[in-house]
Amino acid sequence: MGADSDKVAADIPEEVRRTVLDAAYAELTRWGLERFDIPTMCARHNIDEALVSRYWPDGRALALDLLVSWNTEIFTVPDTGSLRTDLQALATAVARQVNDTLARSLLRAMVVDDRAAYPDDTRMAFWRQRFISINAVFDRADERGEMRTGVDRIAAMQLIFAPINVRALYTKDQIDDNYCDTIAELAWRAIAQH
């Protein structure tokens, strides 16, 4: 989100923000991004549409605000002091996030659909925001001399996220620590300076 949307988000009364974001969360986890619609959300949750429009210019802005704040509330970027253990902590945090039933529904809502009411830029804005925060793991590892030169950081992040997210999308299985450790070890071997 840009500086203007950060300013708007800061100006929203906390009670309004929580009520609207809770309703948006319920709608996105039930119907997905493709069917997310502010008028429908307001009708279902008995929220004044004018109030929502005062703080969020459109459904894309509201969905993005929800996704970024959801991610911020339950996801902390690790700082353990080493790339290997940061990757383990990162994998565990991602798994913890998608092991929650509602969070898994939200993840499914983020899957691209050709009928998207909002273009892929909403999804991409969320993933860019997430990458910016996680990039600190790679910055610190690079400063410590732990990463190979020329590592594609987006690909490195995807080495952690993709297997966990795919398992969450296609199974109902909980993702355990052993799986996370395996994924983290594979990612570490791929990007670490040996």
Protein backbone atom coordinates (compact mmCIF):
# COMPACT_ATOMS: atom_id res chain seq x y z
CA MET A 1 0.00 0.00 0.00
CA GLY A 2 1.25 3.46 -0.73
CA ALA A 3 1.72 6.44 1.55
CA ASP A 4 -1.83 7.73 0.86
CA SER A 5 -3.45 4.44 1.84
CA ASP A 6 -1.25 4.23 4.96
CA LYS A 7 -2.50 7.69 5.93
CA VAL A 8 -6.12 6.67 5.31
CA ALA A 9 -5.66 3.46 7.32
CA ALA A 10 -4.25 5.46 10.22
CA ASP A 11 -7.31 7.76 10.18
CA ILE A 12 -9.86 4.96 10.49
CA PRO A 13 -11.42 4.69 13.96
CA GLU A 14 -10.36 1.34 15.45
CA GLU A 15 -13.92 0.13 16.03
CA VAL A 16 -14.87 0.85 12.40
CA ARG A 17 -11.67 -0.73 11.12
CA ARG A 18 -12.17 -3.92 13.15
CA THR A 19 -15.86 -4.25 12.22
CA VAL A 20 -15.22 -3.76 8.50
CA LEU A 21 -12.09 -5.94 8.37
CA ASP A 22 -13.88 -8.74 10.26
CA ALA A 23 -16.73 -8.60 7.74
CA ALA A 24 -14.30 -8.50 4.80
CA TYR A 25 -12.43 -11.48 6.26
CA ALA A 26 -15.67 -13.45 6.55
CA GLU A 27 -16.61 -12.60 2.97
CA LEU A 28 -13.21 -13.36 1.47
CA THR A 29 -12.85 -16.68 3.27
CA ARG A 30 -16.34 -17.73 2.22
CA TRP A 31 -16.62 -16.35 -1.32
CA GLY A 32 -13.06 -15.60 -2.46
CA LEU A 33 -11.64 -12.49 -4.03
CA GLU A 34 -13.58 -13.01 -7.26
CA ARG A 35 -16.95 -12.61 -5.55
CA PHE A 36 -15.89 -10.03 -2.95
CA ASP A 37 -18.16 -7.02 -3.19
CA ILE A 38 -18.56 -4.10 -0.77
CA PRO A 39 -22.35 -3.62 -1.20
CA THR A 40 -22.98 -7.33 -0.65
CA MET A 41 -20.62 -7.42 2.34
CA CYS A 42 -22.36 -4.41 3.89
CA ALA A 43 -25.82 -5.93 3.37
CA ARG A 44 -24.80 -9.29 4.84
CA HIS A 45 -23.06 -7.76 7.86
CA ASN A 46 -25.39 -4.80 8.46
CA ILE A 47 -22.70 -2.20 7.84
CA ASP A 48 -23.37 1.26 6.40
CA GLU A 49 -21.90 1.25 2.88
CA ALA A 50 -21.23 5.01 3.04
CA LEU A 51 -19.09 4.43 6.13
CA VAL A 52 -16.99 1.85 4.29
CA SER A 53 -16.65 4.12 1.23
CA ARG A 54 -15.43 6.95 3.46
CA TYR A 55 -12.29 4.98 4.36
CA TRP A 56 -11.78 2.53 1.48
CA PRO A 57 -12.21 3.86 -2.07
CA ASP A 58 -13.09 0.46 -3.53
CA GLY A 59 -13.18 -3.28 -2.92
CA ARG A 60 -9.59 -3.71 -4.08
CA ALA A 61 -8.34 -1.26 -1.44
CA LEU A 62 -10.38 -2.96 1.28
CA ALA A 63 -9.29 -6.47 0.25
CA LEU A 64 -5.65 -5.39 0.15
CA ASP A 65 -5.94 -3.66 3.54
CA LEU A 66 -7.43 -6.83 4.99
CA LEU A 67 -4.79 -9.12 3.48
CA VAL A 68 -1.89 -6.95 4.61
CA SER A 69 -3.25 -6.49 8.13
CA TRP A 70 -4.10 -10.22 8.40
CA ASN A 71 -0.54 -11.04 7.41
CA THR A 72 0.93 -8.48 9.83
CA GLU A 73 -1.20 -9.66 12.76
CA ILE A 74 -0.22 -13.32 12.58
CA PHE A 75 3.10 -13.38 10.76
CA THR A 76 6.39 -12.21 12.25
CA VAL A 77 9.55 -12.16 10.16
CA PRO A 78 12.17 -14.22 12.03
CA ASP A 79 15.54 -12.88 13.17
CA THR A 80 17.38 -15.81 14.77
CA GLY A 81 20.91 -14.77 13.83
CA SER A 82 21.49 -17.30 11.05
CA LEU A 83 20.04 -17.94 7.61
CA ARG A 84 19.45 -21.63 8.32
CA THR A 85 17.40 -21.07 11.48
CA ASP A 86 15.65 -18.02 9.97
CA LEU A 87 14.46 -20.24 7.11
CA GLN A 88 13.28 -22.88 9.60
CA ALA A 89 11.40 -20.24 11.59
CA LEU A 90 9.97 -18.75 8.39
CA ALA A 91 8.70 -22.14 7.19
CA THR A 92 7.16 -22.82 10.61
CA ALA A 93 5.47 -19.39 10.64
CA VAL A 94 4.02 -19.93 7.16
CA ALA A 95 2.72 -23.37 8.19
CA ARG A 96 1.22 -22.01 11.41
CA GLN A 97 -0.55 -19.37 9.36
CA VAL A 98 -2.08 -21.82 6.86
CA ASN A 99 -2.84 -24.53 9.43
CA ASP A 100 -5.69 -22.34 10.70
CA THR A 101 -8.93 -23.34 8.94
CA LEU A 102 -10.07 -19.79 8.20
CA ALA A 103 -6.59 -18.71 7.14
CA ARG A 104 -6.49 -21.68 4.77
CA SER A 105 -9.78 -20.45 3.30
CA LEU A 106 -8.25 -17.01 2.85
CA LEU A 107 -5.25 -18.59 1.12
CA ARG A 108 -7.64 -20.37 -1.25
CA ALA A 109 -9.35 -17.03 -1.87
CA MET A 110 -6.00 -15.71 -3.07
CA VAL A 111 -5.70 -18.32 -5.83
CA VAL A 112 -5.96 -16.69 -9.23
CA ASP A 113 -9.22 -17.21 -11.08
CA ASP A 114 -9.92 -16.08 -14.65
CA ARG A 115 -13.24 -14.59 -13.50
CA ALA A 116 -11.52 -12.25 -11.05
CA ALA A 117 -13.56 -9.18 -10.15
CA TYR A 118 -10.30 -7.56 -9.15
CA PRO A 119 -7.31 -7.87 -11.41
CA ASP A 120 -4.27 -9.84 -10.29
CA ASP A 121 -2.76 -6.58 -9.04
CA THR A 122 -4.58 -7.03 -5.70
CA ARG A 123 -2.94 -10.40 -5.21
CA MET A 124 0.39 -9.12 -6.49
CA ALA A 125 0.28 -6.08 -4.22
CA PHE A 126 -0.24 -8.43 -1.26
CA TRP A 127 2.64 -10.70 -2.28
CA ARG A 128 4.92 -7.69 -2.95
CA GLN A 129 4.14 -6.35 0.52
CA ARG A 130 4.87 -9.75 2.02
CA PHE A 131 8.13 -10.06 0.09
CA ILE A 132 9.29 -6.64 1.25
CA SER A 133 8.99 -7.71 4.89
CA ILE A 134 10.57 -11.14 4.35
CA ASN A 135 13.42 -9.67 2.32
CA ALA A 136 14.95 -8.59 5.66
CA VAL A 137 15.86 -12.27 6.26
CA PHE A 138 17.90 -12.26 3.06
CA ASP A 139 19.39 -8.80 3.73
CA ARG A 140 20.71 -9.95 7.12
CA ALA A 141 22.01 -13.24 5.67
CA ASP A 142 23.77 -11.35 2.90
CA GLU A 143 25.37 -8.95 5.43
CA ARG A 144 26.63 -11.98 7.41
CA GLY A 145 28.07 -13.51 4.21
CA GLU A 146 25.75 -16.53 4.42
CA MET A 147 24.18 -16.31 0.94
CA ARG A 148 25.61 -17.21 -2.42
CA THR A 149 26.14 -14.30 -4.79
CA GLY A 150 23.35 -13.66 -7.27
CA VAL A 151 20.58 -15.52 -5.47
CA ASP A 152 17.16 -14.61 -6.85
CA ARG A 153 15.43 -13.58 -3.63
CA ILE A 154 11.92 -14.03 -4.95
CA ALA A 155 12.77 -17.58 -5.98
CA ALA A 156 14.38 -18.13 -2.57
CA MET A 157 11.20 -16.99 -0.83
CA GLN A 158 9.13 -19.20 -3.11
CA LEU A 159 11.26 -22.21 -2.13
CA ILE A 160 9.75 -21.83 1.35
CA PHE A 161 6.24 -20.64 0.52
CA ALA A 162 5.33 -22.73 -2.52
CA PRO A 163 5.50 -26.26 -1.06
CA ILE A 164 3.71 -25.24 2.13
CA ASN A 165 1.01 -23.29 0.31
CA VAL A 166 0.47 -26.04 -2.27
CA ARG A 167 0.07 -28.62 0.49
CA ALA A 168 -2.38 -26.31 2.28
CA LEU A 169 -4.36 -25.70 -0.91
CA TYR A 170 -4.66 -29.32 -1.98
CA THR A 171 -4.97 -31.20 1.30
CA LYS A 172 -6.68 -30.82 4.64
CA ASP A 173 -3.56 -32.10 6.41
CA GLN A 174 -1.89 -30.03 9.07
CA ILE A 175 1.64 -29.07 8.10
CA ASP A 176 3.99 -30.29 10.81
CA ASP A 177 7.41 -29.12 12.00
CA ASN A 178 9.24 -32.01 10.30
CA TYR A 179 7.88 -30.96 6.91
CA CYS A 180 8.83 -27.34 7.62
CA ASP A 181 12.36 -28.37 8.63
CA THR A 182 12.73 -30.37 5.41
CA ILE A 183 11.56 -27.45 3.26
CA ALA A 184 13.83 -25.02 5.12
CA GLU A 185 16.83 -27.33 4.76
CA LEU A 186 16.27 -27.69 1.01
CA ALA A 187 15.96 -23.91 0.64
CA TRP A 188 19.06 -23.33 2.76
CA ARG A 189 21.13 -25.76 0.68
CA ALA A 190 19.99 -23.98 -2.48
CA ILE A 191 20.90 -20.44 -1.43
CA ALA A 192 23.57 -20.67 1.27
CA GLN A 193 27.23 -19.92 0.77
CA HIS A 194 28.91 -23.31 1.46
